[in-house]
Amino acid sequence: MAQLYLLISMLSLAIPHLFLTGVDSATFTIANKCDYAVWPGLLSGAGTSPLSTTGFALQKGESKTLSAPSNWSGRIWGRTFCTQDSSGKFSCLTGDCGSGKVECSGSGAAPPATLAEFTLDGSGGLDYYDVSLVDGYNLPMMVVAQGGSGGNCSSTGCVVDLNESCPTELRVTSTSGERVACKSACEAFGSPQYCCSGAYGGPDTCNPTSYSQLFKSACPRAYSYAYDDKTSTFTCASADYVITFCPSPNTSQKSSQGGDQNQSSRPEVTNSTMTYEGAGDGGDEYNSAAPNHMLQSQLIAGGIAILTTLWRLVPHL
């Protein structure tokens, strides 16, 4: 009898632990399919636990998977054209976080930068995610939800090389004249009309401009200005996420290493308004993001069934 009560007590402690340690957690697999190195930066939102790293390097073809707590919110972006000077200071031509190191250590991206934004386990238990060009653009990016349910779980991003089509007044170039990023109109001109500030500080007064519409026409699912919510915010529940830089390797012709720019044949994944090249391709880095939510749910269900059976047996012992 005492052994039975001991077993029940152990299960009572173990089952809540299963609920609290990762059932609703997510993984982020960050993959670099660009023809050049990318240094991802990560910034956690206020009041959420930081991830295990805030910045690292991904060479061409590399990927890295990170675990996130269930209520994590924050941003993920790519830094390009990064170097380290003779004193050891690290800096990037685009997306730099100003830390002087590979790790961003709580600093965000200097615009212009393409941003992936997440709020996990938000309203209604859904994850909210988007790809934003509100702070400008520096490289193609796609976010794919895997294994989730609820919401729409759609892929989103911007796979077009906007650096090539960027208007002259928004263009950012390297010292050699190479186009490396495209500013937002807000950053370029500082006008309330473009920044959705002052008299334009609300959804009724801040409207798309010719510049934001240029971004929107190229990347219809990405945020193009501050109040672009209806077509740019996506939801899913209990999903893992793959964030890919240059989802089609030849989308961006920019290369800091002079990589091969030859066109390759890749499958296409189409959903409603956008066609993504290579969304299902990627080998092990995509398989490594396979969700573990189903296994965890099965373990919990089994534990609860055992505990219920044992409690029913107690009166008969």
Protein backbone atom coordinates (compact mmCIF):
# COMPACT_ATOMS: atom_id res chain seq x y z
CA MET A 1 0.00 0.00 0.00
CA ALA A 2 2.80 2.41 0.98
CA GLN A 3 4.65 1.60 -2.25
CA LEU A 4 1.52 2.38 -4.27
CA TYR A 5 1.12 5.77 -2.59
CA LEU A 6 4.82 6.47 -3.22
CA LEU A 7 4.40 5.65 -6.92
CA ILE A 8 1.34 7.88 -7.16
CA SER A 9 3.22 10.73 -5.49
CA MET A 10 6.13 10.40 -7.92
CA LEU A 11 3.81 10.44 -10.91
CA SER A 12 1.96 13.44 -9.49
CA LEU A 13 5.25 15.33 -9.43
CA ALA A 14 6.45 14.11 -12.81
CA ILE A 15 3.35 14.86 -14.88
CA PRO A 16 3.20 18.61 -14.09
CA HIS A 17 6.92 18.73 -14.86
CA LEU A 18 6.17 17.43 -18.34
CA PHE A 19 3.69 20.25 -18.83
CA LEU A 20 6.18 22.85 -17.70
CA THR A 21 9.26 21.71 -19.62
CA GLY A 22 8.73 22.21 -23.28
CA VAL A 23 5.30 20.95 -24.26
CA ASP A 24 4.55 24.31 -25.80
CA SER A 25 8.17 25.22 -26.48
CA ALA A 26 9.37 25.76 -30.04
CA THR A 27 12.57 25.31 -31.96
CA PHE A 28 14.00 27.81 -34.42
CA THR A 29 16.13 26.33 -37.18
CA ILE A 30 18.06 29.13 -38.84
CA ALA A 31 19.48 28.15 -42.23
CA ASN A 32 21.76 30.05 -44.59
CA LYS A 33 21.20 29.32 -48.27
CA CYS A 34 22.90 32.50 -49.41
CA ASP A 35 26.07 32.29 -51.47
CA TYR A 36 27.88 34.16 -48.69
CA ALA A 37 28.23 34.07 -44.92
CA VAL A 38 25.46 35.47 -42.74
CA TRP A 39 25.70 36.28 -39.03
CA PRO A 40 22.22 35.86 -37.46
CA GLY A 41 21.34 38.25 -34.65
CA LEU A 42 18.70 37.51 -32.01
CA LEU A 43 16.96 39.91 -29.64
CA SER A 44 14.56 38.73 -26.93
CA GLY A 45 11.57 40.88 -26.01
CA ALA A 46 11.26 42.56 -22.63
CA GLY A 47 10.18 40.16 -19.91
CA THR A 48 10.99 36.98 -21.85
CA SER A 49 13.87 34.62 -21.22
CA PRO A 50 16.81 35.02 -23.62
CA LEU A 51 17.74 32.27 -26.03
CA SER A 52 21.00 30.35 -25.64
CA THR A 53 22.79 32.72 -28.00
CA THR A 54 22.30 36.25 -29.32
CA GLY A 55 24.49 35.96 -32.40
CA PHE A 56 26.62 33.52 -34.37
CA ALA A 57 28.03 32.84 -37.84
CA LEU A 58 26.50 30.69 -40.56
CA GLN A 59 28.61 29.90 -43.57
CA LYS A 60 26.94 29.05 -46.88
CA GLY A 61 24.78 25.94 -46.44
CA GLU A 62 25.00 25.84 -42.64
CA SER A 63 22.14 25.83 -40.16
CA LYS A 64 21.68 25.96 -36.40
CA THR A 65 18.70 24.93 -34.25
CA LEU A 66 17.78 26.75 -31.04
CA SER A 67 15.13 25.97 -28.44
CA ALA A 68 12.84 28.74 -27.22
CA PRO A 69 10.63 28.85 -24.11
CA SER A 70 6.90 28.73 -24.71
CA ASN A 71 6.31 32.44 -24.08
CA TRP A 72 9.33 33.76 -25.98
CA SER A 73 9.04 36.89 -28.08
CA GLY A 74 11.70 38.64 -30.09
CA ARG A 75 13.41 39.25 -33.40
CA ILE A 76 15.78 37.30 -35.64
CA TRP A 77 17.69 38.87 -38.51
CA GLY A 78 20.78 38.39 -40.66
CA ARG A 79 23.93 40.51 -40.61
CA THR A 80 26.06 40.69 -43.75
CA PHE A 81 29.51 41.88 -44.77
CA CYS A 82 30.90 41.40 -41.27
CA THR A 83 34.55 41.85 -40.34
CA GLN A 84 36.79 42.04 -37.30
CA ASP A 85 39.42 44.77 -37.12
CA SER A 86 42.93 44.57 -35.70
CA SER A 87 41.67 45.44 -32.22
CA GLY A 88 39.16 42.58 -32.29
CA LYS A 89 36.09 44.75 -32.80
CA PHE A 90 33.41 42.98 -34.81
CA SER A 91 31.08 44.97 -37.08
CA CYS A 92 28.76 44.41 -40.02
CA LEU A 93 27.85 46.60 -42.96
CA THR A 94 24.17 45.64 -42.66
CA GLY A 95 22.12 44.56 -39.64
CA ASP A 96 24.89 45.47 -37.20
CA CYS A 97 23.84 45.36 -33.54
CA GLY A 98 26.64 47.60 -32.26
CA SER A 99 27.95 45.19 -29.64
CA GLY A 100 31.42 44.98 -31.17
CA LYS A 101 31.16 41.19 -30.90
CA VAL A 102 29.53 38.32 -32.75
CA GLU A 103 27.01 38.04 -29.90
CA CYS A 104 24.54 40.93 -29.92
CA SER A 105 24.09 40.81 -26.12
CA GLY A 106 20.70 42.49 -25.96
CA SER A 107 21.11 44.96 -28.84
CA GLY A 108 18.88 45.08 -31.91
CA ALA A 109 19.60 45.50 -35.59
CA ALA A 110 20.60 48.84 -37.03
CA PRO A 111 18.33 49.55 -40.00
CA PRO A 112 17.96 48.69 -42.74
CA ALA A 113 17.43 45.02 -41.93
CA THR A 114 14.92 42.31 -42.81
CA LEU A 115 13.35 41.12 -39.54
CA ALA A 116 11.56 37.93 -38.48
CA GLU A 117 9.37 38.71 -35.47
CA PHE A 118 7.78 36.19 -33.11
CA THR A 119 5.46 36.11 -30.12
CA LEU A 120 5.01 32.53 -28.94
CA ASP A 121 1.99 31.33 -26.99
CA GLY A 122 0.22 34.67 -27.30
CA SER A 123 -3.49 35.46 -27.34
CA GLY A 124 -5.61 32.32 -27.61
CA GLY A 125 -2.51 30.16 -27.18
CA LEU A 126 -1.37 31.02 -30.71
CA ASP A 127 2.08 31.99 -31.95
CA TYR A 128 2.16 35.26 -33.88
CA TYR A 129 4.90 35.78 -36.47
CA ASP A 130 5.78 38.00 -39.39
CA VAL A 131 8.60 39.16 -41.62
CA SER A 132 8.99 42.92 -41.49
CA LEU A 133 10.46 45.41 -43.95
CA VAL A 134 9.33 48.37 -41.83
CA ASP A 135 12.97 48.98 -40.87
CA GLY A 136 14.14 48.39 -44.42
CA TYR A 137 15.63 45.36 -46.16
CA ASN A 138 19.05 43.77 -46.38
CA LEU A 139 18.58 40.18 -47.56
CA PRO A 140 15.88 37.67 -48.57
CA MET A 141 14.24 35.74 -45.73
CA MET A 142 11.47 33.19 -45.34
CA VAL A 143 9.73 31.78 -42.24
CA VAL A 144 8.09 28.35 -42.44
CA ALA A 145 5.94 26.91 -39.62
CA GLN A 146 6.31 23.15 -39.22
CA GLY A 147 4.06 20.69 -37.41
CA GLY A 148 1.68 23.29 -36.02
CA SER A 149 -2.08 23.48 -35.83
CA GLY A 150 -4.67 26.22 -35.44
CA GLY A 151 -4.30 29.65 -37.00
CA ASN A 152 -3.23 29.53 -40.62
CA CYS A 153 0.40 28.35 -40.15
CA SER A 154 1.30 29.94 -43.49
CA SER A 155 4.80 30.56 -44.74
CA THR A 156 5.79 34.19 -45.02
CA GLY A 157 8.76 36.26 -46.06
CA CYS A 158 10.44 38.21 -48.79
CA VAL A 159 12.37 36.13 -51.30
CA VAL A 160 12.95 38.94 -53.82
CA ASP A 161 16.27 40.79 -54.03
CA LEU A 162 15.03 44.29 -53.25
CA ASN A 163 18.59 45.62 -53.25
CA GLU A 164 18.61 45.42 -57.04
CA SER A 165 15.33 47.30 -57.46
CA CYS A 166 15.82 49.73 -54.57
CA PRO A 167 15.23 53.40 -55.51
CA THR A 168 18.37 55.49 -55.57
CA GLU A 169 17.24 57.63 -52.63
CA LEU A 170 16.83 54.54 -50.41
CA ARG A 171 19.88 52.65 -51.57
CA VAL A 172 22.75 51.61 -49.29
CA THR A 173 26.02 50.75 -51.00
CA SER A 174 29.41 49.46 -49.93
CA THR A 175 32.62 51.44 -50.47
CA SER A 176 33.00 49.61 -53.76
CA GLY A 177 29.53 50.70 -54.88
CA GLU A 178 27.81 47.34 -54.38
CA ARG A 179 24.14 47.55 -53.38
CA VAL A 180 23.89 45.94 -49.93
CA ALA A 181 20.59 47.16 -48.42
CA CYS A 182 17.49 49.25 -49.01
CA LYS A 183 16.34 51.83 -46.43
CA SER A 184 12.79 52.46 -45.38
CA ALA A 185 11.38 55.84 -46.38
CA CYS A 186 11.16 56.68 -42.68
CA GLU A 187 14.89 56.21 -42.21
CA ALA A 188 15.74 57.99 -45.45
CA PHE A 189 13.55 61.08 -44.98
CA GLY A 190 12.42 61.11 -41.31
CA SER A 191 9.01 62.50 -42.25
CA PRO A 192 5.99 61.71 -39.99
CA GLN A 193 4.11 60.63 -43.10
CA TYR A 194 6.65 57.85 -43.67
CA CYS A 195 7.31 57.09 -39.98
CA CYS A 196 3.64 56.87 -38.88
CA SER A 197 4.31 59.43 -36.17
CA GLY A 198 2.79 62.75 -35.10
CA ALA A 199 -0.38 63.49 -37.02
CA TYR A 200 0.15 60.19 -38.87
CA GLY A 201 0.51 58.13 -35.68
CA GLY A 202 -2.56 55.93 -36.01
CA PRO A 203 -4.03 53.32 -38.36
CA ASP A 204 -6.59 55.80 -39.69
CA THR A 205 -4.02 58.42 -40.67
CA CYS A 206 -0.95 56.35 -41.54
CA ASN A 207 -1.46 54.93 -44.99
CA PRO A 208 0.75 53.10 -47.48
CA THR A 209 3.11 55.33 -49.45
CA SER A 210 4.64 54.85 -52.86
CA TYR A 211 7.77 53.51 -51.14
CA SER A 212 5.97 51.00 -48.89
CA GLN A 213 3.88 49.90 -51.85
CA LEU A 214 7.08 49.15 -53.75
CA PHE A 215 8.05 46.73 -50.93
CA LYS A 216 4.52 45.32 -50.73
CA SER A 217 4.20 44.60 -54.42
CA ALA A 218 7.48 42.69 -54.36
CA CYS A 219 6.78 40.88 -51.07
CA PRO A 220 3.00 40.77 -50.51
CA ARG A 221 3.15 38.88 -47.19
CA ALA A 222 5.82 40.98 -45.51
CA TYR A 223 5.12 44.06 -43.38
CA SER A 224 5.70 47.11 -45.55
CA TYR A 225 4.64 49.84 -43.07
CA ALA A 226 3.62 50.04 -39.40
CA TYR A 227 -0.09 49.25 -39.81
CA ASP A 228 0.20 46.52 -42.42
CA ASP A 229 -1.24 43.92 -40.01
CA LYS A 230 -4.11 42.41 -42.00
CA THR A 231 -1.98 40.82 -44.70
CA SER A 232 1.27 40.39 -42.80
CA THR A 233 0.69 38.80 -39.38
CA PHE A 234 0.35 35.01 -39.25
CA THR A 235 -0.62 32.61 -36.48
CA CYS A 236 0.00 28.98 -35.58
CA ALA A 237 -0.01 26.81 -32.44
CA SER A 238 2.63 24.38 -31.17
CA ALA A 239 4.81 24.78 -34.24
CA ASP A 240 8.53 24.78 -34.84
CA TYR A 241 9.93 27.37 -37.24
CA VAL A 242 12.51 27.36 -40.00
CA ILE A 243 14.00 30.77 -40.81
CA THR A 244 15.90 30.69 -44.09
CA PHE A 245 18.14 33.38 -45.50
CA CYS A 246 18.08 33.40 -49.32
CA PRO A 247 15.49 30.57 -49.56
CA SER A 248 16.30 30.36 -53.25
CA PRO A 249 20.11 30.62 -53.45
CA ASN A 250 19.92 32.74 -56.56
CA THR A 251 17.27 35.18 -55.35
CA SER A 252 20.02 37.56 -54.24
CA GLN A 253 23.02 38.10 -56.49
CA LYS A 254 24.92 39.81 -53.68
CA SER A 255 27.97 37.86 -52.56
CA SER A 256 30.82 38.96 -50.38
CA GLN A 257 32.75 35.84 -51.33
CA GLY A 258 32.23 35.73 -55.07
CA GLY A 259 30.24 32.49 -54.89
CA ASP A 260 28.74 30.64 -57.84
CA GLN A 261 25.68 32.43 -59.14
CA ASN A 262 24.59 29.77 -61.63
CA GLN A 263 20.88 29.06 -61.72
CA SER A 264 19.81 25.75 -60.21
CA SER A 265 16.54 23.88 -60.58
CA ARG A 266 14.56 23.74 -57.34
CA PRO A 267 10.99 22.71 -56.44
CA GLU A 268 8.39 25.39 -55.81
CA VAL A 269 5.91 25.64 -52.97
CA THR A 270 2.90 27.83 -53.68
CA ASN A 271 0.40 29.28 -51.24
CA SER A 272 -2.35 31.80 -52.00
CA THR A 273 -0.37 34.88 -53.03
CA MET A 274 3.29 33.87 -53.07
CA THR A 275 5.46 31.23 -54.66
CA TYR A 276 8.52 30.11 -52.69
CA GLU A 277 11.35 28.35 -54.44
CA GLY A 278 13.05 25.59 -52.49
CA ALA A 279 10.78 25.84 -49.46
CA GLY A 280 10.74 22.09 -49.01
CA ASP A 281 14.37 21.58 -49.93
CA GLY A 282 17.21 21.71 -47.51
CA GLY A 283 18.06 18.24 -46.30
CA ASP A 284 19.01 17.68 -42.70
CA GLU A 285 18.60 21.24 -41.49
CA TYR A 286 14.85 20.98 -42.11
CA ASN A 287 14.58 17.46 -40.72
CA SER A 288 16.33 18.59 -37.54
CA ALA A 289 13.43 20.97 -36.90
CA ALA A 290 10.83 18.19 -36.88
CA PRO A 291 8.41 18.95 -34.04
CA ASN A 292 8.53 16.96 -30.81
CA HIS A 293 5.15 18.22 -29.57
CA MET A 294 3.33 15.01 -30.55
CA LEU A 295 5.73 12.77 -28.59
CA GLN A 296 5.48 15.00 -25.53
CA SER A 297 1.67 14.99 -25.72
CA GLN A 298 1.63 11.19 -25.94
CA LEU A 299 3.88 10.89 -22.87
CA ILE A 300 1.63 13.22 -20.90
CA ALA A 301 -1.52 11.37 -21.95
CA GLY A 302 0.06 8.07 -20.93
CA GLY A 303 1.13 9.45 -17.55
CA ILE A 304 -2.32 10.81 -16.83
CA ALA A 305 -3.92 7.47 -17.76
CA ILE A 306 -1.60 5.59 -15.39
CA LEU A 307 -2.20 8.04 -12.57
CA THR A 308 -5.98 7.84 -13.02
CA THR A 309 -5.91 4.04 -12.96
CA LEU A 310 -3.81 3.96 -9.80
CA TRP A 311 -6.12 6.38 -7.98
CA ARG A 312 -9.07 4.14 -8.86
CA LEU A 313 -7.26 1.15 -7.38
CA VAL A 314 -6.58 2.85 -4.04
CA PRO A 315 -10.04 2.25 -2.44
CA HIS A 316 -9.74 -1.48 -3.22
CA LEU A 317 -6.35 -1.88 -1.51
